[in-house]
Amino acid sequence: MREDLLPIEKLIAYFQKLGGVGYKTAQRYAYKIIDMDKEDVTEFADALLDVKQNIHYCKICGNFTDKEVCNICNSRKSDIICVVKEPKDVFAFEKVKSHDFLYHVLHGCISPLENKGPDDIRIKELLERIKGGNVKEILVATNPDVEGEATAMYIAQILKPLNIKCTRLAQGISMGADIEYADEVTLNKAIESRTEM
């Protein structure tokens, strides 16, 4: 960050570092911060630091948590594991509330263009969970795009010899869409209409 920037310019520049935030939005955020009470700004800054210092990955599923094991892994008993690309996808499924499966966050998808193969995402950890537990079904819920489909097919292929049912979300979610933006009704229908791979 350039040292000669004014404080408001620095704040705008930092907001622009957030994904999907352009200059105008960053500027609006910065002005909103200026208008806030000092106490609210302090609490906001404390919340940022708290998240950075205390949030990490669950040692079982890979979702965000402030504990060693997240609340979902700690409290649920299920023989279905829903495999997602990112922690924000868990949040999207949890809004549906009609399904009580466990999750496994891959933290990415297979993507030759990004130089990401199966060893670069949490597939090995998924296999360890399957071998160590009472898993009857793996629901692959990666985005319906090229990388998500490649990852889903790879997972289905490696699960075949293990005699584990492997399903995929139905195509209620359009090709190329991100799961995090799907509404609850569409996501629920996609879960109910999942197909075996």
N, C-alpha and C. Protein backbone atom coordinates (compact mmCIF):
# COMPACT_ATOMS: atom_id res chain seq x y z
N MET A 1 0.85 -1.18 0.00
CA MET A 1 0.00 0.00 0.00
C MET A 1 0.89 1.24 0.00
N ARG A 2 0.56 2.17 -0.86
CA ARG A 2 1.35 3.41 -0.94
C ARG A 2 1.22 4.22 0.34
N GLU A 3 2.32 4.77 0.78
CA GLU A 3 2.35 5.56 2.02
C GLU A 3 1.74 6.95 1.85
N ASP A 4 1.71 7.47 0.63
CA ASP A 4 1.23 8.83 0.42
C ASP A 4 -0.30 8.93 0.30
N LEU A 5 -1.00 7.80 0.45
CA LEU A 5 -2.47 7.84 0.35
C LEU A 5 -3.08 8.45 1.61
N LEU A 6 -4.16 9.17 1.42
CA LEU A 6 -4.93 9.67 2.55
C LEU A 6 -5.60 8.49 3.26
N PRO A 7 -5.93 8.62 4.55
CA PRO A 7 -6.58 7.51 5.26
C PRO A 7 -7.83 6.97 4.56
N ILE A 8 -8.65 7.85 4.01
CA ILE A 8 -9.86 7.37 3.32
C ILE A 8 -9.51 6.63 2.04
N GLU A 9 -8.47 7.07 1.35
CA GLU A 9 -8.03 6.37 0.14
C GLU A 9 -7.50 4.97 0.48
N LYS A 10 -6.79 4.88 1.60
CA LYS A 10 -6.30 3.56 2.04
C LYS A 10 -7.47 2.63 2.36
N LEU A 11 -8.47 3.17 3.06
CA LEU A 11 -9.63 2.36 3.42
C LEU A 11 -10.36 1.88 2.18
N ILE A 12 -10.54 2.77 1.22
CA ILE A 12 -11.18 2.39 -0.05
C ILE A 12 -10.37 1.29 -0.74
N ALA A 13 -9.06 1.44 -0.76
CA ALA A 13 -8.19 0.45 -1.40
C ALA A 13 -8.31 -0.91 -0.72
N TYR A 14 -8.40 -0.92 0.63
CA TYR A 14 -8.55 -2.20 1.34
C TYR A 14 -9.90 -2.84 1.06
N PHE A 15 -10.96 -2.04 1.01
CA PHE A 15 -12.27 -2.61 0.69
C PHE A 15 -12.28 -3.18 -0.73
N GLN A 16 -11.54 -2.57 -1.64
CA GLN A 16 -11.46 -3.07 -3.01
C GLN A 16 -10.77 -4.43 -3.09
N LYS A 17 -9.98 -4.77 -2.08
CA LYS A 17 -9.31 -6.07 -2.07
C LYS A 17 -10.29 -7.21 -1.80
N LEU A 18 -11.48 -6.86 -1.29
CA LEU A 18 -12.51 -7.88 -1.08
C LEU A 18 -13.07 -8.30 -2.42
N GLY A 19 -13.27 -9.57 -2.63
CA GLY A 19 -13.76 -10.07 -3.91
C GLY A 19 -15.09 -9.45 -4.30
N GLY A 20 -15.19 -8.98 -5.52
CA GLY A 20 -16.44 -8.44 -6.04
C GLY A 20 -16.77 -7.03 -5.61
N VAL A 21 -15.84 -6.36 -4.93
CA VAL A 21 -16.08 -4.98 -4.48
C VAL A 21 -15.31 -4.03 -5.40
N GLY A 22 -16.07 -3.25 -6.15
CA GLY A 22 -15.46 -2.27 -7.05
C GLY A 22 -15.22 -0.96 -6.32
N TYR A 23 -14.71 0.00 -7.06
CA TYR A 23 -14.35 1.29 -6.45
C TYR A 23 -15.54 1.98 -5.80
N LYS A 24 -16.66 2.06 -6.51
CA LYS A 24 -17.84 2.78 -5.99
C LYS A 24 -18.35 2.14 -4.70
N THR A 25 -18.44 0.83 -4.69
CA THR A 25 -18.90 0.13 -3.48
C THR A 25 -17.91 0.34 -2.34
N ALA A 26 -16.62 0.22 -2.64
CA ALA A 26 -15.59 0.44 -1.62
C ALA A 26 -15.67 1.85 -1.06
N GLN A 27 -15.94 2.80 -1.92
CA GLN A 27 -16.09 4.19 -1.50
C GLN A 27 -17.29 4.34 -0.56
N ARG A 28 -18.42 3.69 -0.91
CA ARG A 28 -19.61 3.75 -0.05
C ARG A 28 -19.32 3.14 1.32
N TYR A 29 -18.61 2.00 1.33
CA TYR A 29 -18.24 1.36 2.61
C TYR A 29 -17.37 2.31 3.45
N ALA A 30 -16.41 2.92 2.81
CA ALA A 30 -15.50 3.83 3.53
C ALA A 30 -16.27 4.99 4.14
N TYR A 31 -17.19 5.59 3.37
CA TYR A 31 -17.98 6.71 3.90
C TYR A 31 -18.89 6.24 5.04
N LYS A 32 -19.38 5.03 4.94
CA LYS A 32 -20.23 4.48 6.02
C LYS A 32 -19.40 4.33 7.30
N ILE A 33 -18.17 3.88 7.17
CA ILE A 33 -17.28 3.76 8.34
C ILE A 33 -17.05 5.13 8.97
N ILE A 34 -16.83 6.13 8.15
CA ILE A 34 -16.60 7.49 8.66
C ILE A 34 -17.82 7.98 9.45
N ASP A 35 -19.02 7.63 8.97
CA ASP A 35 -20.26 8.06 9.63
C ASP A 35 -20.59 7.28 10.90
N MET A 36 -19.94 6.14 11.10
CA MET A 36 -20.23 5.32 12.28
C MET A 36 -19.65 5.95 13.55
N ASP A 37 -20.26 5.59 14.69
CA ASP A 37 -19.70 6.00 15.99
C ASP A 37 -18.35 5.33 16.18
N LYS A 38 -17.48 5.99 16.93
CA LYS A 38 -16.15 5.44 17.18
C LYS A 38 -16.24 4.06 17.84
N GLU A 39 -17.20 3.89 18.73
CA GLU A 39 -17.40 2.60 19.41
C GLU A 39 -17.74 1.49 18.41
N ASP A 40 -18.63 1.81 17.45
CA ASP A 40 -19.00 0.82 16.43
C ASP A 40 -17.80 0.47 15.54
N VAL A 41 -17.00 1.47 15.20
CA VAL A 41 -15.81 1.24 14.37
C VAL A 41 -14.83 0.35 15.13
N THR A 42 -14.66 0.60 16.41
CA THR A 42 -13.76 -0.22 17.24
C THR A 42 -14.26 -1.66 17.29
N GLU A 43 -15.57 -1.85 17.48
CA GLU A 43 -16.14 -3.20 17.51
C GLU A 43 -15.98 -3.89 16.15
N PHE A 44 -16.14 -3.13 15.07
CA PHE A 44 -15.96 -3.67 13.73
C PHE A 44 -14.51 -4.14 13.55
N ALA A 45 -13.57 -3.30 13.94
CA ALA A 45 -12.14 -3.65 13.84
C ALA A 45 -11.83 -4.87 14.72
N ASP A 46 -12.40 -4.92 15.92
CA ASP A 46 -12.20 -6.06 16.82
C ASP A 46 -12.76 -7.35 16.21
N ALA A 47 -13.92 -7.24 15.55
CA ALA A 47 -14.52 -8.41 14.90
C ALA A 47 -13.62 -8.93 13.78
N LEU A 48 -13.01 -8.03 13.02
CA LEU A 48 -12.08 -8.43 11.96
C LEU A 48 -10.89 -9.18 12.54
N LEU A 49 -10.31 -8.62 13.61
CA LEU A 49 -9.16 -9.27 14.24
C LEU A 49 -9.54 -10.60 14.87
N ASP A 50 -10.72 -10.66 15.50
CA ASP A 50 -11.19 -11.89 16.13
C ASP A 50 -11.33 -13.01 15.11
N VAL A 51 -11.92 -12.69 13.96
CA VAL A 51 -12.08 -13.68 12.90
C VAL A 51 -10.72 -14.16 12.41
N LYS A 52 -9.82 -13.23 12.19
CA LYS A 52 -8.49 -13.59 11.66
C LYS A 52 -7.70 -14.44 12.64
N GLN A 53 -7.84 -14.16 13.95
CA GLN A 53 -7.06 -14.87 14.96
C GLN A 53 -7.69 -16.19 15.41
N ASN A 54 -9.02 -16.30 15.34
CA ASN A 54 -9.68 -17.44 15.98
C ASN A 54 -10.42 -18.39 15.05
N ILE A 55 -10.60 -18.03 13.80
CA ILE A 55 -11.31 -18.92 12.89
C ILE A 55 -10.30 -19.75 12.10
N HIS A 56 -10.56 -21.06 12.07
CA HIS A 56 -9.70 -21.98 11.33
C HIS A 56 -10.59 -23.10 10.79
N TYR A 57 -9.98 -24.11 10.21
CA TYR A 57 -10.74 -25.21 9.62
C TYR A 57 -11.02 -26.29 10.65
N CYS A 58 -12.23 -26.84 10.60
CA CYS A 58 -12.59 -28.00 11.41
C CYS A 58 -11.68 -29.16 11.01
N LYS A 59 -11.16 -29.87 12.00
CA LYS A 59 -10.21 -30.95 11.68
C LYS A 59 -10.90 -32.15 11.02
N ILE A 60 -12.24 -32.20 11.08
CA ILE A 60 -12.95 -33.31 10.45
C ILE A 60 -13.44 -32.94 9.05
N CYS A 61 -14.24 -31.87 8.96
CA CYS A 61 -14.89 -31.57 7.68
C CYS A 61 -14.23 -30.46 6.88
N GLY A 62 -13.42 -29.61 7.52
CA GLY A 62 -12.77 -28.53 6.80
C GLY A 62 -13.58 -27.24 6.74
N ASN A 63 -14.73 -27.20 7.43
CA ASN A 63 -15.53 -25.97 7.47
C ASN A 63 -14.87 -24.99 8.44
N PHE A 64 -15.27 -23.72 8.37
CA PHE A 64 -14.76 -22.73 9.32
C PHE A 64 -15.34 -22.97 10.70
N THR A 65 -14.52 -22.81 11.72
CA THR A 65 -14.97 -22.94 13.10
C THR A 65 -14.00 -22.21 14.02
N ASP A 66 -14.45 -21.95 15.23
CA ASP A 66 -13.55 -21.38 16.23
C ASP A 66 -13.13 -22.43 17.25
N LYS A 67 -13.53 -23.69 16.99
CA LYS A 67 -13.16 -24.81 17.86
C LYS A 67 -12.33 -25.80 17.04
N GLU A 68 -11.87 -26.85 17.70
CA GLU A 68 -11.12 -27.86 16.96
C GLU A 68 -12.04 -28.61 15.99
N VAL A 69 -13.25 -28.92 16.47
CA VAL A 69 -14.26 -29.60 15.66
C VAL A 69 -15.51 -28.71 15.62
N CYS A 70 -16.06 -28.49 14.44
CA CYS A 70 -17.21 -27.59 14.30
C CYS A 70 -18.46 -28.16 14.95
N ASN A 71 -19.45 -27.31 15.14
CA ASN A 71 -20.71 -27.71 15.78
C ASN A 71 -21.45 -28.78 14.99
N ILE A 72 -21.39 -28.72 13.66
CA ILE A 72 -22.09 -29.71 12.83
C ILE A 72 -21.48 -31.09 13.04
N CYS A 73 -20.17 -31.20 12.96
CA CYS A 73 -19.51 -32.50 13.16
C CYS A 73 -19.70 -33.00 14.59
N ASN A 74 -19.74 -32.09 15.54
CA ASN A 74 -19.89 -32.44 16.95
C ASN A 74 -21.28 -32.93 17.30
N SER A 75 -22.31 -32.41 16.63
CA SER A 75 -23.68 -32.67 17.08
C SER A 75 -24.49 -33.60 16.19
N ARG A 76 -24.07 -33.83 14.94
CA ARG A 76 -24.88 -34.63 14.03
C ARG A 76 -24.35 -36.04 13.85
N LYS A 77 -25.30 -36.94 13.72
CA LYS A 77 -25.00 -38.31 13.35
C LYS A 77 -25.70 -38.55 12.02
N SER A 78 -24.94 -38.79 10.99
CA SER A 78 -25.53 -39.03 9.68
C SER A 78 -24.64 -39.97 8.89
N ASP A 79 -25.26 -40.74 8.00
CA ASP A 79 -24.48 -41.63 7.14
C ASP A 79 -24.35 -41.03 5.73
N ILE A 80 -24.73 -39.74 5.58
CA ILE A 80 -24.58 -39.03 4.31
C ILE A 80 -23.61 -37.88 4.51
N ILE A 81 -22.60 -37.80 3.63
CA ILE A 81 -21.67 -36.68 3.64
C ILE A 81 -21.88 -35.88 2.36
N CYS A 82 -22.16 -34.60 2.53
CA CYS A 82 -22.32 -33.68 1.40
C CYS A 82 -20.96 -33.02 1.14
N VAL A 83 -20.42 -33.25 -0.04
CA VAL A 83 -19.11 -32.72 -0.41
C VAL A 83 -19.29 -31.40 -1.16
N VAL A 84 -18.68 -30.33 -0.63
CA VAL A 84 -18.80 -29.00 -1.24
C VAL A 84 -17.42 -28.43 -1.53
N LYS A 85 -17.41 -27.39 -2.34
CA LYS A 85 -16.15 -26.77 -2.74
C LYS A 85 -15.57 -25.88 -1.63
N GLU A 86 -16.43 -25.04 -1.02
CA GLU A 86 -15.95 -24.03 -0.08
C GLU A 86 -16.86 -23.95 1.15
N PRO A 87 -16.37 -23.40 2.25
CA PRO A 87 -17.19 -23.25 3.45
C PRO A 87 -18.48 -22.45 3.22
N LYS A 88 -18.47 -21.49 2.31
CA LYS A 88 -19.69 -20.72 2.08
C LYS A 88 -20.80 -21.58 1.49
N ASP A 89 -20.45 -22.70 0.86
CA ASP A 89 -21.46 -23.62 0.34
C ASP A 89 -22.18 -24.35 1.49
N VAL A 90 -21.45 -24.63 2.57
CA VAL A 90 -22.08 -25.23 3.76
C VAL A 90 -23.16 -24.29 4.27
N PHE A 91 -22.84 -23.02 4.34
CA PHE A 91 -23.79 -22.01 4.81
C PHE A 91 -25.05 -22.02 3.95
N ALA A 92 -24.90 -22.14 2.63
CA ALA A 92 -26.05 -22.17 1.72
C ALA A 92 -26.93 -23.39 2.00
N PHE A 93 -26.33 -24.56 2.19
CA PHE A 93 -27.10 -25.76 2.48
C PHE A 93 -27.77 -25.70 3.85
N GLU A 94 -27.12 -25.10 4.81
CA GLU A 94 -27.68 -25.00 6.15
C GLU A 94 -28.94 -24.12 6.17
N LYS A 95 -29.07 -23.21 5.22
CA LYS A 95 -30.28 -22.39 5.14
C LYS A 95 -31.50 -23.23 4.77
N VAL A 96 -31.28 -24.34 4.05
CA VAL A 96 -32.37 -25.20 3.61
C VAL A 96 -33.06 -25.87 4.81
N LYS A 97 -32.28 -26.31 5.78
CA LYS A 97 -32.75 -26.85 7.06
C LYS A 97 -33.56 -28.15 6.98
N SER A 98 -33.78 -28.70 5.82
CA SER A 98 -34.58 -29.93 5.73
C SER A 98 -33.71 -31.18 5.63
N HIS A 99 -32.41 -31.00 5.66
CA HIS A 99 -31.49 -32.14 5.54
C HIS A 99 -30.44 -32.05 6.63
N ASP A 100 -30.17 -33.16 7.26
CA ASP A 100 -29.21 -33.17 8.37
C ASP A 100 -27.96 -33.98 8.05
N PHE A 101 -27.42 -33.80 6.87
CA PHE A 101 -26.21 -34.56 6.58
C PHE A 101 -24.97 -33.85 7.11
N LEU A 102 -23.86 -34.58 7.08
CA LEU A 102 -22.56 -34.02 7.44
C LEU A 102 -21.95 -33.40 6.18
N TYR A 103 -20.87 -32.68 6.34
CA TYR A 103 -20.23 -32.01 5.21
C TYR A 103 -18.76 -32.39 5.11
N HIS A 104 -18.24 -32.19 3.91
CA HIS A 104 -16.80 -32.29 3.68
C HIS A 104 -16.44 -31.17 2.70
N VAL A 105 -15.61 -30.24 3.14
CA VAL A 105 -15.22 -29.10 2.31
C VAL A 105 -13.90 -29.40 1.62
N LEU A 106 -13.91 -29.34 0.30
CA LEU A 106 -12.72 -29.66 -0.49
C LEU A 106 -11.71 -28.52 -0.53
N HIS A 107 -12.16 -27.30 -0.37
CA HIS A 107 -11.32 -26.10 -0.51
C HIS A 107 -10.74 -26.01 -1.91
N GLY A 108 -11.63 -26.17 -2.88
CA GLY A 108 -11.24 -26.04 -4.28
C GLY A 108 -11.80 -27.18 -5.10
N CYS A 109 -11.53 -27.12 -6.38
CA CYS A 109 -11.94 -28.18 -7.31
C CYS A 109 -10.76 -28.50 -8.22
N ILE A 110 -10.84 -29.64 -8.85
CA ILE A 110 -9.82 -30.02 -9.82
C ILE A 110 -9.89 -29.02 -10.98
N SER A 111 -8.76 -28.40 -11.28
CA SER A 111 -8.73 -27.38 -12.33
C SER A 111 -7.35 -27.34 -12.97
N PRO A 112 -7.19 -28.03 -14.10
CA PRO A 112 -5.89 -28.01 -14.79
C PRO A 112 -5.42 -26.60 -15.13
N LEU A 113 -6.35 -25.70 -15.44
CA LEU A 113 -5.97 -24.32 -15.79
C LEU A 113 -5.33 -23.59 -14.60
N GLU A 114 -5.76 -23.95 -13.39
CA GLU A 114 -5.19 -23.34 -12.19
C GLU A 114 -4.10 -24.23 -11.58
N ASN A 115 -3.73 -25.28 -12.31
CA ASN A 115 -2.71 -26.21 -11.85
C ASN A 115 -3.12 -26.92 -10.55
N LYS A 116 -4.43 -27.23 -10.41
CA LYS A 116 -4.96 -27.90 -9.22
C LYS A 116 -5.41 -29.30 -9.60
N GLY A 117 -4.77 -30.28 -8.97
CA GLY A 117 -5.16 -31.66 -9.18
C GLY A 117 -5.81 -32.23 -7.94
N PRO A 118 -6.13 -33.52 -7.95
CA PRO A 118 -6.79 -34.17 -6.81
C PRO A 118 -5.99 -34.07 -5.51
N ASP A 119 -4.66 -34.01 -5.61
CA ASP A 119 -3.83 -33.93 -4.40
C ASP A 119 -3.82 -32.53 -3.79
N ASP A 120 -4.34 -31.54 -4.52
CA ASP A 120 -4.34 -30.16 -4.03
C ASP A 120 -5.62 -29.79 -3.30
N ILE A 121 -6.60 -30.69 -3.29
CA ILE A 121 -7.83 -30.45 -2.54
C ILE A 121 -8.03 -31.61 -1.56
N ARG A 122 -9.03 -31.56 -0.72
CA ARG A 122 -9.16 -32.48 0.42
C ARG A 122 -9.87 -33.80 0.05
N ILE A 123 -9.43 -34.45 -1.02
CA ILE A 123 -10.02 -35.73 -1.40
C ILE A 123 -9.46 -36.86 -0.54
N LYS A 124 -8.17 -36.81 -0.24
CA LYS A 124 -7.55 -37.84 0.61
C LYS A 124 -8.25 -37.88 1.98
N GLU A 125 -8.55 -36.70 2.53
CA GLU A 125 -9.23 -36.62 3.83
C GLU A 125 -10.65 -37.19 3.74
N LEU A 126 -11.31 -37.00 2.59
CA LEU A 126 -12.64 -37.59 2.38
C LEU A 126 -12.56 -39.11 2.41
N LEU A 127 -11.58 -39.67 1.73
CA LEU A 127 -11.42 -41.12 1.72
C LEU A 127 -11.13 -41.66 3.12
N GLU A 128 -10.35 -40.93 3.90
CA GLU A 128 -10.08 -41.35 5.27
C GLU A 128 -11.35 -41.36 6.10
N ARG A 129 -12.20 -40.36 5.91
CA ARG A 129 -13.48 -40.32 6.64
C ARG A 129 -14.37 -41.49 6.25
N ILE A 130 -14.39 -41.82 4.98
CA ILE A 130 -15.23 -42.92 4.51
C ILE A 130 -14.76 -44.25 5.10
N LYS A 131 -13.45 -44.45 5.09
CA LYS A 131 -12.89 -45.71 5.61
C LYS A 131 -13.06 -45.82 7.12
N GLY A 132 -13.09 -44.68 7.80
CA GLY A 132 -13.16 -44.71 9.26
C GLY A 132 -14.56 -44.60 9.84
N GLY A 133 -15.60 -44.53 8.98
CA GLY A 133 -16.93 -44.30 9.53
C GLY A 133 -18.02 -45.11 8.88
N ASN A 134 -19.23 -44.78 9.27
CA ASN A 134 -20.42 -45.47 8.81
C ASN A 134 -21.09 -44.65 7.70
N VAL A 135 -20.42 -44.52 6.56
CA VAL A 135 -20.91 -43.67 5.48
C VAL A 135 -21.60 -44.54 4.43
N LYS A 136 -22.86 -44.17 4.11
CA LYS A 136 -23.62 -44.91 3.10
C LYS A 136 -23.72 -44.15 1.78
N GLU A 137 -23.62 -42.81 1.86
CA GLU A 137 -23.79 -42.01 0.65
C GLU A 137 -22.90 -40.77 0.69
N ILE A 138 -22.34 -40.48 -0.47
CA ILE A 138 -21.60 -39.23 -0.68
C ILE A 138 -22.41 -38.42 -1.69
N LEU A 139 -22.87 -37.25 -1.26
CA LEU A 139 -23.59 -36.33 -2.14
C LEU A 139 -22.59 -35.27 -2.60
N VAL A 140 -22.22 -35.32 -3.88
CA VAL A 140 -21.25 -34.37 -4.41
C VAL A 140 -22.01 -33.12 -4.83
N ALA A 141 -21.73 -32.01 -4.14
CA ALA A 141 -22.47 -30.76 -4.37
C ALA A 141 -21.52 -29.64 -4.79
N THR A 142 -20.63 -29.97 -5.70
CA THR A 142 -19.76 -28.93 -6.26
C THR A 142 -20.57 -28.14 -7.31
N ASN A 143 -20.09 -26.96 -7.64
CA ASN A 143 -20.81 -26.12 -8.60
C ASN A 143 -20.95 -26.83 -9.95
N PRO A 144 -22.07 -26.59 -10.65
CA PRO A 144 -22.26 -27.23 -11.95
C PRO A 144 -21.52 -26.49 -13.07
N ASP A 145 -20.19 -26.43 -12.93
CA ASP A 145 -19.35 -25.84 -13.97
C ASP A 145 -18.30 -26.88 -14.35
N VAL A 146 -17.40 -26.54 -15.23
CA VAL A 146 -16.43 -27.53 -15.74
C VAL A 146 -15.60 -28.13 -14.61
N GLU A 147 -15.07 -27.28 -13.71
CA GLU A 147 -14.23 -27.77 -12.61
C GLU A 147 -15.04 -28.61 -11.63
N GLY A 148 -16.26 -28.14 -11.32
CA GLY A 148 -17.12 -28.88 -10.40
C GLY A 148 -17.50 -30.24 -10.95
N GLU A 149 -17.81 -30.29 -12.24
CA GLU A 149 -18.17 -31.57 -12.87
C GLU A 149 -16.97 -32.52 -12.91
N ALA A 150 -15.79 -31.99 -13.23
CA ALA A 150 -14.59 -32.83 -13.27
C ALA A 150 -14.31 -33.41 -11.88
N THR A 151 -14.47 -32.59 -10.86
CA THR A 151 -14.24 -33.04 -9.49
C THR A 151 -15.26 -34.10 -9.10
N ALA A 152 -16.52 -33.87 -9.45
CA ALA A 152 -17.58 -34.83 -9.14
C ALA A 152 -17.32 -36.18 -9.81
N MET A 153 -16.94 -36.14 -11.06
CA MET A 153 -16.66 -37.39 -11.79
C MET A 153 -15.47 -38.13 -11.18
N TYR A 154 -14.45 -37.38 -10.79
CA TYR A 154 -13.27 -38.00 -10.16
C TYR A 154 -13.66 -38.68 -8.86
N ILE A 155 -14.44 -38.00 -8.04
CA ILE A 155 -14.86 -38.57 -6.75
C ILE A 155 -15.71 -39.82 -6.98
N ALA A 156 -16.64 -39.75 -7.93
CA ALA A 156 -17.48 -40.92 -8.24
C ALA A 156 -16.63 -42.10 -8.67
N GLN A 157 -15.61 -41.82 -9.46
CA GLN A 157 -14.73 -42.88 -9.97
C GLN A 157 -13.94 -43.55 -8.84
N ILE A 158 -13.43 -42.76 -7.90
CA ILE A 158 -12.63 -43.38 -6.83
C ILE A 158 -13.50 -44.04 -5.76
N LEU A 159 -14.79 -43.69 -5.72
CA LEU A 159 -15.69 -44.31 -4.74
C LEU A 159 -16.29 -45.62 -5.23
N LYS A 160 -16.31 -45.83 -6.54
CA LYS A 160 -16.92 -47.05 -7.12
C LYS A 160 -16.41 -48.33 -6.47
N PRO A 161 -15.09 -48.53 -6.33
CA PRO A 161 -14.61 -49.77 -5.73
C PRO A 161 -14.96 -49.91 -4.24
N LEU A 162 -15.33 -48.80 -3.59
CA LEU A 162 -15.63 -48.84 -2.15
C LEU A 162 -17.09 -49.17 -1.86
N ASN A 163 -17.90 -49.36 -2.91
CA ASN A 163 -19.33 -49.66 -2.76
C ASN A 163 -20.06 -48.62 -1.92
N ILE A 164 -19.72 -47.36 -2.12
CA ILE A 164 -20.40 -46.25 -1.46
C ILE A 164 -21.28 -45.58 -2.51
N LYS A 165 -22.54 -45.36 -2.19
CA LYS A 165 -23.45 -44.67 -3.10
C LYS A 165 -22.94 -43.25 -3.29
N CYS A 166 -22.81 -42.83 -4.55
CA CYS A 166 -22.33 -41.49 -4.85
C CYS A 166 -23.40 -40.79 -5.68
N THR A 167 -23.94 -39.69 -5.14
CA THR A 167 -24.98 -38.96 -5.85
C THR A 167 -24.51 -37.55 -6.17
N ARG A 168 -25.24 -36.93 -7.08
CA ARG A 168 -24.92 -35.57 -7.54
C ARG A 168 -26.20 -34.76 -7.45
N LEU A 169 -26.09 -33.48 -7.11
CA LEU A 169 -27.27 -32.63 -7.11
C LEU A 169 -27.93 -32.67 -8.46
N ALA A 170 -29.27 -32.64 -8.45
CA ALA A 170 -30.00 -32.58 -9.71
C ALA A 170 -29.72 -31.24 -10.38
N GLN A 171 -30.07 -31.12 -11.61
CA GLN A 171 -29.76 -29.90 -12.35
C GLN A 171 -30.79 -28.80 -12.17
N GLY A 172 -31.36 -28.68 -10.97
CA GLY A 172 -32.19 -27.53 -10.65
C GLY A 172 -31.31 -26.29 -10.58
N ILE A 173 -30.03 -26.51 -10.37
CA ILE A 173 -29.06 -25.43 -10.36
C ILE A 173 -28.44 -25.40 -11.74
N SER A 174 -28.53 -24.27 -12.39
CA SER A 174 -28.11 -24.20 -13.78
C SER A 174 -26.59 -24.32 -13.93
N MET A 175 -26.19 -24.85 -15.06
CA MET A 175 -24.78 -25.04 -15.38
C MET A 175 -24.06 -23.70 -15.34
N GLY A 176 -22.92 -23.68 -14.67
CA GLY A 176 -22.13 -22.46 -14.59
C GLY A 176 -22.48 -21.57 -13.40
N ALA A 177 -23.53 -21.95 -12.64
CA ALA A 177 -23.96 -21.13 -11.50
C ALA A 177 -23.18 -21.51 -10.25
N ASP A 178 -23.11 -20.59 -9.29
CA ASP A 178 -22.48 -20.87 -8.00
C ASP A 178 -23.55 -21.24 -6.99
N ILE A 179 -23.31 -22.29 -6.22
CA ILE A 179 -24.27 -22.78 -5.23
C ILE A 179 -24.62 -21.70 -4.21
N GLU A 180 -23.65 -20.90 -3.83
CA GLU A 180 -23.90 -19.89 -2.79
C GLU A 180 -25.01 -18.91 -3.19
N TYR A 181 -25.28 -18.76 -4.49
CA TYR A 181 -26.30 -17.82 -4.96
C TYR A 181 -27.65 -18.48 -5.22
N ALA A 182 -27.72 -19.80 -5.04
CA ALA A 182 -28.99 -20.50 -5.28
C ALA A 182 -29.96 -20.19 -4.15
N ASP A 183 -31.23 -20.02 -4.52
CA ASP A 183 -32.23 -19.79 -3.48
C ASP A 183 -32.56 -21.11 -2.78
N GLU A 184 -33.20 -21.03 -1.63
CA GLU A 184 -33.44 -22.20 -0.79
C GLU A 184 -34.34 -23.23 -1.47
N VAL A 185 -35.36 -22.78 -2.20
CA VAL A 185 -36.28 -23.71 -2.86
C VAL A 185 -35.56 -24.49 -3.95
N THR A 186 -34.78 -23.79 -4.78
CA THR A 186 -34.01 -24.46 -5.85
C THR A 186 -33.02 -25.45 -5.27
N LEU A 187 -32.32 -25.05 -4.21
CA LEU A 187 -31.34 -25.93 -3.58
C LEU A 187 -32.01 -27.15 -2.97
N ASN A 188 -33.15 -26.96 -2.33
CA ASN A 188 -33.88 -28.07 -1.74
C ASN A 188 -34.34 -29.05 -2.81
N LYS A 189 -34.87 -28.54 -3.93
CA LYS A 189 -35.30 -29.41 -5.03
C LYS A 189 -34.12 -30.17 -5.62
N ALA A 190 -32.97 -29.50 -5.73
CA ALA A 190 -31.79 -30.15 -6.27
C ALA A 190 -31.33 -31.29 -5.36
N ILE A 191 -31.43 -31.09 -4.05
CA ILE A 191 -31.05 -32.13 -3.09
C ILE A 191 -32.01 -33.31 -3.21
N GLU A 192 -33.31 -33.03 -3.22
CA GLU A 192 -34.32 -34.09 -3.29
C GLU A 192 -34.22 -34.89 -4.59
N SER A 193 -33.82 -34.24 -5.69
CA SER A 193 -33.77 -34.89 -6.99
C SER A 193 -32.37 -35.37 -7.36
N ARG A 194 -31.49 -35.49 -6.37
CA ARG A 194 -30.13 -35.91 -6.67
C ARG A 194 -30.12 -37.27 -7.36
N THR A 195 -29.10 -37.50 -8.17
CA THR A 195 -29.01 -38.71 -8.95
C THR A 195 -27.72 -39.46 -8.63
N GLU A 196 -27.79 -40.77 -8.78
CA GLU A 196 -26.61 -41.58 -8.52
C GLU A 196 -25.65 -41.43 -9.68
N MET A 197 -24.35 -41.42 -9.35
CA MET A 197 -23.33 -41.24 -10.38
C MET A 197 -22.69 -42.57 -10.76
